């Protein structure tokens, strides 16, 4: 068995990320980049990679963590985010569902088929509002190669081709109040992200979310991992096919309005966050009325 050389592996990982940032011009000089920092391996590598890239380009970094309110799970992630931000001397702005929306995920998840539905909506909403308030040019997320092809197959399975415009390493500005996303780990496999964290003894949150097994993403992830074990190269083949489709779908850009309730960007008259909050409020009233 060949021993993994730490320095060579780190150079390989960071060179790939640096090349992606440079080739797609994900970051421009003088920009403020907000890193969505959950404390998990992907977001932590994203923070370390962008801190490393500052030696090649003059730009600023800030990190944003969002505590969804999952008892017995989220605190370790928050602790990891705090530690990594402190180690790298990056300011960390901490937000929570409880403070921003008035409830924790644990309080409302049972109103939905999957807890991932409200979690994703409110987390994205809080990240965008916070980054916008900080005047960040972009939000850097930890989406890796596996995440991207999972999302692609989920949209493909649902026939939701309009979502294809949200894929790729960078999302264009489509509304003044919607901070565009960049994905520095877009072509980095999840397995290599985990290896980086282990060989460098990085403080990360390793636990799986207790709600994640209920999601479609979890089922597609399992399918891809089993397929990759049996037929090595399947994930890369899906990614290459996905890139070809992107070439034809990039012209599809959804038009956005501002939510009639909160003013956030949305493709409808009412944003998804406000829709869900109205549903949660109705359910709460129903529970009270039934007592």
C-alpha atoms as a PDB file:
ATOM      1  CA  UNK A   1       0.000   0.000   0.000  1.00  0.00           C
ATOM      2  CA  UNK A   2       1.431   3.371  -1.048  1.00  0.00           C
ATOM      3  CA  UNK A   3       1.714   5.837   1.818  1.00  0.00           C
ATOM      4  CA  UNK A   4      -0.089   9.121   1.207  1.00  0.00           C
ATOM      5  CA  UNK A   5       2.331  12.051   1.202  1.00  0.00           C
ATOM      6  CA  UNK A   6       0.698  14.903   3.101  1.00  0.00           C
ATOM      7  CA  UNK A   7       2.527  17.742   1.323  1.00  0.00           C
ATOM      8  CA  UNK A   8       1.918  16.308  -2.146  1.00  0.00           C
ATOM      9  CA  UNK A   9      -1.763  15.709  -1.394  1.00  0.00           C
ATOM     10  CA  UNK A  10      -2.232  19.248  -0.032  1.00  0.00           C
ATOM     11  CA  UNK A  11      -0.520  20.696  -3.082  1.00  0.00           C
ATOM     12  CA  UNK A  12      -2.774  18.683  -5.370  1.00  0.00           C
ATOM     13  CA  UNK A  13      -5.952  19.806  -3.564  1.00  0.00           C
ATOM     14  CA  UNK A  14      -5.058  23.494  -3.378  1.00  0.00           C
ATOM     15  CA  UNK A  15      -3.670  23.624  -6.913  1.00  0.00           C
ATOM     16  CA  UNK A  16      -6.951  22.232  -8.287  1.00  0.00           C
ATOM     17  CA  UNK A  17      -8.967  24.755  -6.284  1.00  0.00           C
ATOM     18  CA  UNK A  18      -6.655  27.639  -7.224  1.00  0.00           C
ATOM     19  CA  UNK A  19      -6.889  26.695 -10.910  1.00  0.00           C
ATOM     20  CA  UNK A  20     -10.694  26.601 -10.744  1.00  0.00           C
ATOM     21  CA  UNK A  21     -10.822  30.038  -9.102  1.00  0.00           C
ATOM     22  CA  UNK A  22      -8.436  31.444 -11.705  1.00  0.00           C
ATOM     23  CA  UNK A  23      -9.924  29.745 -14.783  1.00  0.00           C
ATOM     24  CA  UNK A  24     -13.489  30.813 -13.977  1.00  0.00           C
ATOM     25  CA  UNK A  25     -12.462  34.132 -12.390  1.00  0.00           C
ATOM     26  CA  UNK A  26     -14.515  33.248  -9.316  1.00  0.00           C
ATOM     27  CA  UNK A  27     -12.911  36.031  -7.272  1.00  0.00           C
ATOM     28  CA  UNK A  28     -11.807  39.464  -8.409  1.00  0.00           C
ATOM     29  CA  UNK A  29      -9.361  41.816  -6.731  1.00  0.00           C
ATOM     30  CA  UNK A  30     -10.780  43.871  -3.890  1.00  0.00           C
ATOM     31  CA  UNK A  31     -13.951  41.803  -3.437  1.00  0.00           C
ATOM     32  CA  UNK A  32     -15.334  40.727  -0.067  1.00  0.00           C
ATOM     33  CA  UNK A  33     -16.107  37.011  -0.136  1.00  0.00           C
ATOM     34  CA  UNK A  34     -18.442  35.566   2.508  1.00  0.00           C
ATOM     35  CA  UNK A  35     -17.803  31.887   3.252  1.00  0.00           C
ATOM     36  CA  UNK A  36     -20.832  29.876   4.365  1.00  0.00           C
ATOM     37  CA  UNK A  37     -19.130  28.089   7.278  1.00  0.00           C
ATOM     38  CA  UNK A  38     -21.068  25.203   8.832  1.00  0.00           C
ATOM     39  CA  UNK A  39     -18.036  23.621  10.488  1.00  0.00           C
ATOM     40  CA  UNK A  40     -18.237  20.533   8.272  1.00  0.00           C
ATOM     41  CA  UNK A  41     -15.337  19.321   6.143  1.00  0.00           C
ATOM     42  CA  UNK A  42     -16.440  21.009   2.905  1.00  0.00           C
ATOM     43  CA  UNK A  43     -17.024  24.495   4.271  1.00  0.00           C
ATOM     44  CA  UNK A  44     -13.861  24.323   6.388  1.00  0.00           C
ATOM     45  CA  UNK A  45     -11.738  23.350   3.364  1.00  0.00           C
ATOM     46  CA  UNK A  46     -13.368  26.205   1.421  1.00  0.00           C
ATOM     47  CA  UNK A  47     -12.326  28.662   4.139  1.00  0.00           C
ATOM     48  CA  UNK A  48      -8.743  27.319   4.256  1.00  0.00           C
ATOM     49  CA  UNK A  49      -8.490  27.301   0.455  1.00  0.00           C
ATOM     50  CA  UNK A  50      -9.650  30.910   0.093  1.00  0.00           C
ATOM     51  CA  UNK A  51      -7.351  32.013   2.899  1.00  0.00           C
ATOM     52  CA  UNK A  52      -4.523  30.298   0.991  1.00  0.00           C
ATOM     53  CA  UNK A  53      -5.572  32.018  -2.253  1.00  0.00           C
ATOM     54  CA  UNK A  54      -5.142  35.430  -0.645  1.00  0.00           C
ATOM     55  CA  UNK A  55      -1.419  35.027  -1.242  1.00  0.00           C
ATOM     56  CA  UNK A  56      -2.136  35.256  -4.992  1.00  0.00           C
ATOM     57  CA  UNK A  57      -4.917  37.859  -5.040  1.00  0.00           C
ATOM     58  CA  UNK A  58      -5.864  40.813  -2.842  1.00  0.00           C
ATOM     59  CA  UNK A  59      -9.404  40.258  -1.560  1.00  0.00           C
ATOM     60  CA  UNK A  60     -11.175  40.124   1.815  1.00  0.00           C
ATOM     61  CA  UNK A  61     -12.799  37.247   3.659  1.00  0.00           C
ATOM     62  CA  UNK A  62     -15.595  36.950   6.194  1.00  0.00           C
ATOM     63  CA  UNK A  63     -17.344  33.784   7.396  1.00  0.00           C
ATOM     64  CA  UNK A  64     -21.031  33.283   8.213  1.00  0.00           C
ATOM     65  CA  UNK A  65     -22.359  30.425  10.340  1.00  0.00           C
ATOM     66  CA  UNK A  66     -26.048  29.566  10.712  1.00  0.00           C
ATOM     67  CA  UNK A  67     -27.304  27.580  13.695  1.00  0.00           C
ATOM     68  CA  UNK A  68     -30.424  25.787  12.460  1.00  0.00           C
ATOM     69  CA  UNK A  69     -31.347  24.610  15.937  1.00  0.00           C
ATOM     70  CA  UNK A  70     -30.796  20.844  15.894  1.00  0.00           C
ATOM     71  CA  UNK A  71     -30.355  19.565  19.435  1.00  0.00           C
ATOM     72  CA  UNK A  72     -27.330  17.346  20.006  1.00  0.00           C
ATOM     73  CA  UNK A  73     -25.941  17.951  16.524  1.00  0.00           C
ATOM     74  CA  UNK A  74     -25.342  21.542  15.493  1.00  0.00           C
ATOM     75  CA  UNK A  75     -23.223  22.835  18.407  1.00  0.00           C
ATOM     76  CA  UNK A  76     -20.112  20.878  17.424  1.00  0.00           C
ATOM     77  CA  UNK A  77     -20.329  22.401  13.956  1.00  0.00           C
ATOM     78  CA  UNK A  78     -20.595  25.893  15.413  1.00  0.00           C
ATOM     79  CA  UNK A  79     -17.604  25.189  17.693  1.00  0.00           C
ATOM     80  CA  UNK A  80     -15.608  23.988  14.681  1.00  0.00           C
ATOM     81  CA  UNK A  81     -16.560  27.089  12.686  1.00  0.00           C
ATOM     82  CA  UNK A  82     -15.469  29.338  15.544  1.00  0.00           C
ATOM     83  CA  UNK A  83     -12.146  27.496  15.952  1.00  0.00           C
ATOM     84  CA  UNK A  84     -11.243  27.455  12.256  1.00  0.00           C
ATOM     85  CA  UNK A  85     -12.185  31.111  11.766  1.00  0.00           C
ATOM     86  CA  UNK A  86     -10.086  32.021  14.793  1.00  0.00           C
ATOM     87  CA  UNK A  87      -7.121  29.928  13.594  1.00  0.00           C
ATOM     88  CA  UNK A  88      -7.175  31.677  10.212  1.00  0.00           C
ATOM     89  CA  UNK A  89      -7.905  35.129  11.645  1.00  0.00           C
ATOM     90  CA  UNK A  90     -11.168  35.453   9.697  1.00  0.00           C
ATOM     91  CA  UNK A  91     -14.139  37.310  11.174  1.00  0.00           C
ATOM     92  CA  UNK A  92     -17.102  35.010  11.874  1.00  0.00           C
ATOM     93  CA  UNK A  93     -20.663  36.357  11.856  1.00  0.00           C
ATOM     94  CA  UNK A  94     -22.998  33.999  13.731  1.00  0.00           C
ATOM     95  CA  UNK A  95     -26.699  33.737  12.917  1.00  0.00           C
ATOM     96  CA  UNK A  96     -29.448  31.336  13.979  1.00  0.00           C
ATOM     97  CA  UNK A  97     -32.937  30.281  12.922  1.00  0.00           C
ATOM     98  CA  UNK A  98     -34.145  31.147  16.426  1.00  0.00           C
ATOM     99  CA  UNK A  99     -32.927  34.750  16.301  1.00  0.00           C
ATOM    100  CA  UNK A 100     -33.722  35.421  12.645  1.00  0.00           C
ATOM    101  CA  UNK A 101     -36.976  33.488  12.143  1.00  0.00           C
ATOM    102  CA  UNK A 102     -38.284  32.978  15.685  1.00  0.00           C
ATOM    103  CA  UNK A 103     -38.053  29.181  15.762  1.00  0.00           C
ATOM    104  CA  UNK A 104     -35.507  26.361  15.671  1.00  0.00           C
ATOM    105  CA  UNK A 105     -35.619  23.602  13.055  1.00  0.00           C
ATOM    106  CA  UNK A 106     -36.457  21.115  15.811  1.00  0.00           C
ATOM    107  CA  UNK A 107     -39.609  23.146  16.509  1.00  0.00           C
ATOM    108  CA  UNK A 108     -41.065  22.983  13.005  1.00  0.00           C
ATOM    109  CA  UNK A 109     -39.570  20.039  11.080  1.00  0.00           C
ATOM    110  CA  UNK A 110     -42.587  17.782  11.724  1.00  0.00           C
ATOM    111  CA  UNK A 111     -44.761  20.086   9.593  1.00  0.00           C
ATOM    112  CA  UNK A 112     -42.885  18.921   6.483  1.00  0.00           C
ATOM    113  CA  UNK A 113     -42.261  15.709   4.582  1.00  0.00           C
ATOM    114  CA  UNK A 114     -38.530  16.283   5.045  1.00  0.00           C
ATOM    115  CA  UNK A 115     -36.752  18.617   7.453  1.00  0.00           C
ATOM    116  CA  UNK A 116     -34.384  19.456   4.594  1.00  0.00           C
ATOM    117  CA  UNK A 117     -37.143  21.510   2.920  1.00  0.00           C
ATOM    118  CA  UNK A 118     -37.469  24.290   5.545  1.00  0.00           C
ATOM    119  CA  UNK A 119     -33.813  23.939   6.539  1.00  0.00           C
ATOM    120  CA  UNK A 120     -32.546  24.679   3.024  1.00  0.00           C
ATOM    121  CA  UNK A 121     -34.978  27.543   2.441  1.00  0.00           C
ATOM    122  CA  UNK A 122     -34.310  29.389   5.702  1.00  0.00           C
ATOM    123  CA  UNK A 123     -30.557  28.748   5.685  1.00  0.00           C
ATOM    124  CA  UNK A 124     -30.197  30.165   2.168  1.00  0.00           C
ATOM    125  CA  UNK A 125     -32.398  33.108   3.075  1.00  0.00           C
ATOM    126  CA  UNK A 126     -30.355  33.967   6.177  1.00  0.00           C
ATOM    127  CA  UNK A 127     -27.038  33.536   4.362  1.00  0.00           C
ATOM    128  CA  UNK A 128     -28.126  35.808   1.533  1.00  0.00           C
ATOM    129  CA  UNK A 129     -29.526  38.540   3.799  1.00  0.00           C
ATOM    130  CA  UNK A 130     -26.412  38.484   5.978  1.00  0.00           C
ATOM    131  CA  UNK A 131     -23.992  38.566   3.039  1.00  0.00           C
ATOM    132  CA  UNK A 132     -25.991  41.406   1.468  1.00  0.00           C
ATOM    133  CA  UNK A 133     -25.885  43.390   4.727  1.00  0.00           C
ATOM    134  CA  UNK A 134     -22.112  42.848   4.886  1.00  0.00           C
ATOM    135  CA  UNK A 135     -21.836  44.123   1.286  1.00  0.00           C
ATOM    136  CA  UNK A 136     -20.195  40.876   0.192  1.00  0.00           C
ATOM    137  CA  UNK A 137     -19.623  40.458  -3.540  1.00  0.00           C
ATOM    138  CA  UNK A 138     -20.144  36.683  -3.412  1.00  0.00           C
ATOM    139  CA  UNK A 139     -20.974  33.807  -1.092  1.00  0.00           C
ATOM    140  CA  UNK A 140     -18.536  30.876  -1.249  1.00  0.00           C
ATOM    141  CA  UNK A 141     -20.181  27.556  -0.434  1.00  0.00           C
ATOM    142  CA  UNK A 142     -18.614  24.149   0.188  1.00  0.00           C
ATOM    143  CA  UNK A 143     -20.451  22.320  -2.599  1.00  0.00           C
ATOM    144  CA  UNK A 144     -18.121  19.604  -3.884  1.00  0.00           C
ATOM    145  CA  UNK A 145     -18.240  17.448  -7.019  1.00  0.00           C
ATOM    146  CA  UNK A 146     -20.476  14.853  -5.339  1.00  0.00           C
ATOM    147  CA  UNK A 147     -22.920  17.527  -4.144  1.00  0.00           C
ATOM    148  CA  UNK A 148     -23.127  19.006  -7.629  1.00  0.00           C
ATOM    149  CA  UNK A 149     -23.942  15.771  -9.443  1.00  0.00           C
ATOM    150  CA  UNK A 150     -26.427  14.817  -6.709  1.00  0.00           C
ATOM    151  CA  UNK A 151     -28.224  18.143  -7.194  1.00  0.00           C
ATOM    152  CA  UNK A 152     -28.114  17.695 -10.957  1.00  0.00           C
ATOM    153  CA  UNK A 153     -29.685  14.225 -10.760  1.00  0.00           C
ATOM    154  CA  UNK A 154     -32.304  15.433  -8.273  1.00  0.00           C
ATOM    155  CA  UNK A 155     -33.379  18.207 -10.651  1.00  0.00           C
ATOM    156  CA  UNK A 156     -33.203  15.814 -13.601  1.00  0.00           C
ATOM    157  CA  UNK A 157     -35.386  13.256 -11.794  1.00  0.00           C
ATOM    158  CA  UNK A 158     -37.944  15.950 -10.933  1.00  0.00           C
ATOM    159  CA  UNK A 159     -37.946  17.349 -14.464  1.00  0.00           C
ATOM    160  CA  UNK A 160     -36.922  20.696 -12.993  1.00  0.00           C
ATOM    161  CA  UNK A 161     -34.633  21.813 -15.815  1.00  0.00           C
ATOM    162  CA  UNK A 162     -34.897  25.492 -14.808  1.00  0.00           C
ATOM    163  CA  UNK A 163     -32.658  24.561 -11.832  1.00  0.00           C
ATOM    164  CA  UNK A 164     -29.845  23.780 -14.276  1.00  0.00           C
ATOM    165  CA  UNK A 165     -29.097  27.503 -14.370  1.00  0.00           C
ATOM    166  CA  UNK A 166     -28.101  27.257 -10.685  1.00  0.00           C
ATOM    167  CA  UNK A 167     -25.338  24.742 -11.372  1.00  0.00           C
ATOM    168  CA  UNK A 168     -21.728  25.359 -12.295  1.00  0.00           C
ATOM    169  CA  UNK A 169     -18.857  26.863 -10.262  1.00  0.00           C
ATOM    170  CA  UNK A 170     -20.310  30.390 -10.347  1.00  0.00           C
ATOM    171  CA  UNK A 171     -23.823  31.815 -10.418  1.00  0.00           C
ATOM    172  CA  UNK A 172     -24.244  35.138 -12.173  1.00  0.00           C
ATOM    173  CA  UNK A 173     -25.827  38.228 -10.651  1.00  0.00           C
ATOM    174  CA  UNK A 174     -29.535  37.961 -11.507  1.00  0.00           C
ATOM    175  CA  UNK A 175     -30.940  40.406  -8.926  1.00  0.00           C
ATOM    176  CA  UNK A 176     -29.307  43.299  -7.024  1.00  0.00           C
ATOM    177  CA  UNK A 177     -30.350  41.827  -3.652  1.00  0.00           C
ATOM    178  CA  UNK A 178     -29.325  38.238  -4.438  1.00  0.00           C
ATOM    179  CA  UNK A 179     -25.644  37.697  -3.652  1.00  0.00           C
ATOM    180  CA  UNK A 180     -24.168  35.312  -6.267  1.00  0.00           C
ATOM    181  CA  UNK A 181     -22.637  32.003  -5.158  1.00  0.00           C
ATOM    182  CA  UNK A 182     -19.261  30.527  -6.015  1.00  0.00           C
ATOM    183  CA  UNK A 183     -18.202  26.900  -5.449  1.00  0.00           C
ATOM    184  CA  UNK A 184     -14.408  26.573  -5.118  1.00  0.00           C
ATOM    185  CA  UNK A 185     -14.745  22.798  -4.498  1.00  0.00           C
ATOM    186  CA  UNK A 186     -16.931  22.273  -7.577  1.00  0.00           C
ATOM    187  CA  UNK A 187     -14.555  19.715  -9.143  1.00  0.00           C
ATOM    188  CA  UNK A 188     -13.158  18.245  -5.910  1.00  0.00           C
ATOM    189  CA  UNK A 189     -14.557  14.804  -4.910  1.00  0.00           C
ATOM    190  CA  UNK A 190     -16.066  14.517  -1.429  1.00  0.00           C
ATOM    191  CA  UNK A 191     -13.716  11.642  -0.582  1.00  0.00           C
ATOM    192  CA  UNK A 192     -10.675  13.870  -1.119  1.00  0.00           C
ATOM    193  CA  UNK A 193     -12.180  16.606   1.054  1.00  0.00           C
ATOM    194  CA  UNK A 194     -12.452  14.104   3.900  1.00  0.00           C
ATOM    195  CA  UNK A 195      -8.904  12.877   3.313  1.00  0.00           C
ATOM    196  CA  UNK A 196      -7.611  16.457   3.482  1.00  0.00           C
ATOM    197  CA  UNK A 197      -9.291  17.021   6.841  1.00  0.00           C
ATOM    198  CA  UNK A 198      -7.960  13.748   8.286  1.00  0.00           C
ATOM    199  CA  UNK A 199      -4.315  13.977   7.175  1.00  0.00           C
ATOM    200  CA  UNK A 200      -4.106  17.603   8.321  1.00  0.00           C
ATOM    201  CA  UNK A 201      -5.864  16.908  11.636  1.00  0.00           C
ATOM    202  CA  UNK A 202      -8.378  19.688  11.008  1.00  0.00           C
ATOM    203  CA  UNK A 203     -11.118  20.330  13.560  1.00  0.00           C
ATOM    204  CA  UNK A 204     -14.320  19.542  11.657  1.00  0.00           C
ATOM    205  CA  UNK A 205     -17.867  18.449  12.404  1.00  0.00           C
ATOM    206  CA  UNK A 206     -18.118  14.849  11.155  1.00  0.00           C
ATOM    207  CA  UNK A 207     -21.588  13.800  12.354  1.00  0.00           C
ATOM    208  CA  UNK A 208     -24.377  13.264   9.827  1.00  0.00           C
ATOM    209  CA  UNK A 209     -27.434  15.463  10.291  1.00  0.00           C
ATOM    210  CA  UNK A 210     -30.115  13.358  12.059  1.00  0.00           C
ATOM    211  CA  UNK A 211     -32.676  14.501   9.487  1.00  0.00           C
ATOM    212  CA  UNK A 212     -30.622  13.882   6.339  1.00  0.00           C
ATOM    213  CA  UNK A 213     -31.605  10.208   5.867  1.00  0.00           C
ATOM    214  CA  UNK A 214     -35.154  11.307   5.004  1.00  0.00           C
ATOM    215  CA  UNK A 215     -34.098  13.332   1.979  1.00  0.00           C
ATOM    216  CA  UNK A 216     -34.000  12.447  -1.711  1.00  0.00           C
ATOM    217  CA  UNK A 217     -30.394  13.638  -1.735  1.00  0.00           C
ATOM    218  CA  UNK A 218     -29.398  10.926   0.747  1.00  0.00           C
ATOM    219  CA  UNK A 219     -30.911   8.230  -1.466  1.00  0.00           C
ATOM    220  CA  UNK A 220     -29.196   9.572  -4.599  1.00  0.00           C
ATOM    221  CA  UNK A 221     -25.905   9.883  -2.704  1.00  0.00           C
ATOM    222  CA  UNK A 222     -26.109   6.237  -1.650  1.00  0.00           C
ATOM    223  CA  UNK A 223     -26.955   5.171  -5.220  1.00  0.00           C
ATOM    224  CA  UNK A 224     -23.961   7.080  -6.643  1.00  0.00           C
ATOM    225  CA  UNK A 225     -21.540   5.743  -4.035  1.00  0.00           C
ATOM    226  CA  UNK A 226     -22.644   2.126  -4.624  1.00  0.00           C
ATOM    227  CA  UNK A 227     -22.399   2.654  -8.385  1.00  0.00           C
ATOM    228  CA  UNK A 228     -18.933   4.193  -8.070  1.00  0.00           C
ATOM    229  CA  UNK A 229     -17.718   1.204  -6.029  1.00  0.00           C
ATOM    230  CA  UNK A 230     -18.975  -1.225  -8.680  1.00  0.00           C
ATOM    231  CA  UNK A 231     -18.091   0.876 -11.718  1.00  0.00           C
ATOM    232  CA  UNK A 232     -15.258   3.313 -10.933  1.00  0.00           C
ATOM    233  CA  UNK A 233     -15.551   6.514 -12.933  1.00  0.00           C
ATOM    234  CA  UNK A 234     -19.367   6.753 -12.839  1.00  0.00           C
ATOM    235  CA  UNK A 235     -19.303  10.068 -10.962  1.00  0.00           C
ATOM    236  CA  UNK A 236     -16.862  11.640 -13.396  1.00  0.00           C
ATOM    237  CA  UNK A 237     -18.966  10.408 -16.321  1.00  0.00           C
ATOM    238  CA  UNK A 238     -22.082  12.026 -14.820  1.00  0.00           C
ATOM    239  CA  UNK A 239     -20.124  15.254 -14.267  1.00  0.00           C
ATOM    240  CA  UNK A 240     -18.865  15.315 -17.853  1.00  0.00           C
ATOM    241  CA  UNK A 241     -22.397  14.755 -19.179  1.00  0.00           C
ATOM    242  CA  UNK A 242     -23.608  17.474 -16.859  1.00  0.00           C
ATOM    243  CA  UNK A 243     -21.012  19.924 -18.232  1.00  0.00           C
ATOM    244  CA  UNK A 244     -22.227  19.246 -21.770  1.00  0.00           C
ATOM    245  CA  UNK A 245     -25.811  19.993 -20.743  1.00  0.00           C
ATOM    246  CA  UNK A 246     -24.688  23.197 -19.003  1.00  0.00           C
ATOM    247  CA  UNK A 247     -23.288  24.464 -22.296  1.00  0.00           C
ATOM    248  CA  UNK A 248     -26.822  24.493 -23.718  1.00  0.00           C
ATOM    249  CA  UNK A 249     -28.710  25.532 -20.584  1.00  0.00           C
ATOM    250  CA  UNK A 250     -26.646  28.527 -19.451  1.00  0.00           C
ATOM    251  CA  UNK A 251     -28.851  30.906 -21.400  1.00  0.00           C
ATOM    252  CA  UNK A 252     -31.845  29.981 -19.225  1.00  0.00           C
ATOM    253  CA  UNK A 253     -31.939  32.648 -16.515  1.00  0.00           C
ATOM    254  CA  UNK A 254     -34.989  32.939 -14.250  1.00  0.00           C
ATOM    255  CA  UNK A 255     -36.480  36.406 -13.852  1.00  0.00           C
ATOM    256  CA  UNK A 256     -36.757  37.532 -10.247  1.00  0.00           C
ATOM    257  CA  UNK A 257     -39.174  39.799  -8.411  1.00  0.00           C
ATOM    258  CA  UNK A 258     -39.051  41.053  -4.832  1.00  0.00           C
ATOM    259  CA  UNK A 259     -41.192  39.256  -2.276  1.00  0.00           C
ATOM    260  CA  UNK A 260     -44.377  41.206  -1.496  1.00  0.00           C
ATOM    261  CA  UNK A 261     -43.960  40.326   2.191  1.00  0.00           C
ATOM    262  CA  UNK A 262     -40.242  40.658   3.024  1.00  0.00           C
ATOM    263  CA  UNK A 263     -38.685  42.199  -0.091  1.00  0.00           C
ATOM    264  CA  UNK A 264     -36.210  39.367  -0.699  1.00  0.00           C
ATOM    265  CA  UNK A 265     -35.546  38.202  -4.289  1.00  0.00           C
ATOM    266  CA  UNK A 266     -37.925  35.490  -5.514  1.00  0.00           C
ATOM    267  CA  UNK A 267     -39.162  34.008  -8.774  1.00  0.00           C
ATOM    268  CA  UNK A 268     -42.733  34.260  -7.441  1.00  0.00           C
ATOM    269  CA  UNK A 269     -44.744  37.048  -5.799  1.00  0.00           C
ATOM    270  CA  UNK A 270     -44.103  35.562  -2.353  1.00  0.00           C
ATOM    271  CA  UNK A 271     -40.713  34.033  -1.517  1.00  0.00           C
ATOM    272  CA  UNK A 272     -40.452  30.431  -0.336  1.00  0.00           C
ATOM    273  CA  UNK A 273     -39.316  31.494   3.159  1.00  0.00           C
ATOM    274  CA  UNK A 274     -42.450  33.619   3.668  1.00  0.00           C
ATOM    275  CA  UNK A 275     -44.637  30.830   2.257  1.00  0.00           C
ATOM    276  CA  UNK A 276     -43.178  28.360   4.744  1.00  0.00           C
ATOM    277  CA  UNK A 277     -43.456  30.810   7.651  1.00  0.00           C
ATOM    278  CA  UNK A 278     -47.138  31.294   6.823  1.00  0.00           C
ATOM    279  CA  UNK A 279     -47.609  27.507   6.753  1.00  0.00           C
ATOM    280  CA  UNK A 280     -45.787  27.129  10.075  1.00  0.00           C
ATOM    281  CA  UNK A 281     -47.942  29.875  11.601  1.00  0.00           C
ATOM    282  CA  UNK A 282     -51.135  28.184  10.411  1.00  0.00           C
ATOM    283  CA  UNK A 283     -49.990  24.838  11.812  1.00  0.00           C
ATOM    284  CA  UNK A 284     -49.165  26.443  15.151  1.00  0.00           C
ATOM    285  CA  UNK A 285     -52.649  28.006  15.325  1.00  0.00           C
ATOM    286  CA  UNK A 286     -54.193  24.650  14.422  1.00  0.00           C
ATOM    287  CA  UNK A 287     -52.278  22.869  17.190  1.00  0.00           C
ATOM    288  CA  UNK A 288     -53.408  25.477  19.724  1.00  0.00           C
ATOM    289  CA  UNK A 289     -57.017  25.224  18.548  1.00  0.00           C
ATOM    290  CA  UNK A 290     -57.022  21.444  18.921  1.00  0.00           C
ATOM    291  CA  UNK A 291     -55.866  21.543  22.528  1.00  0.00           C
END
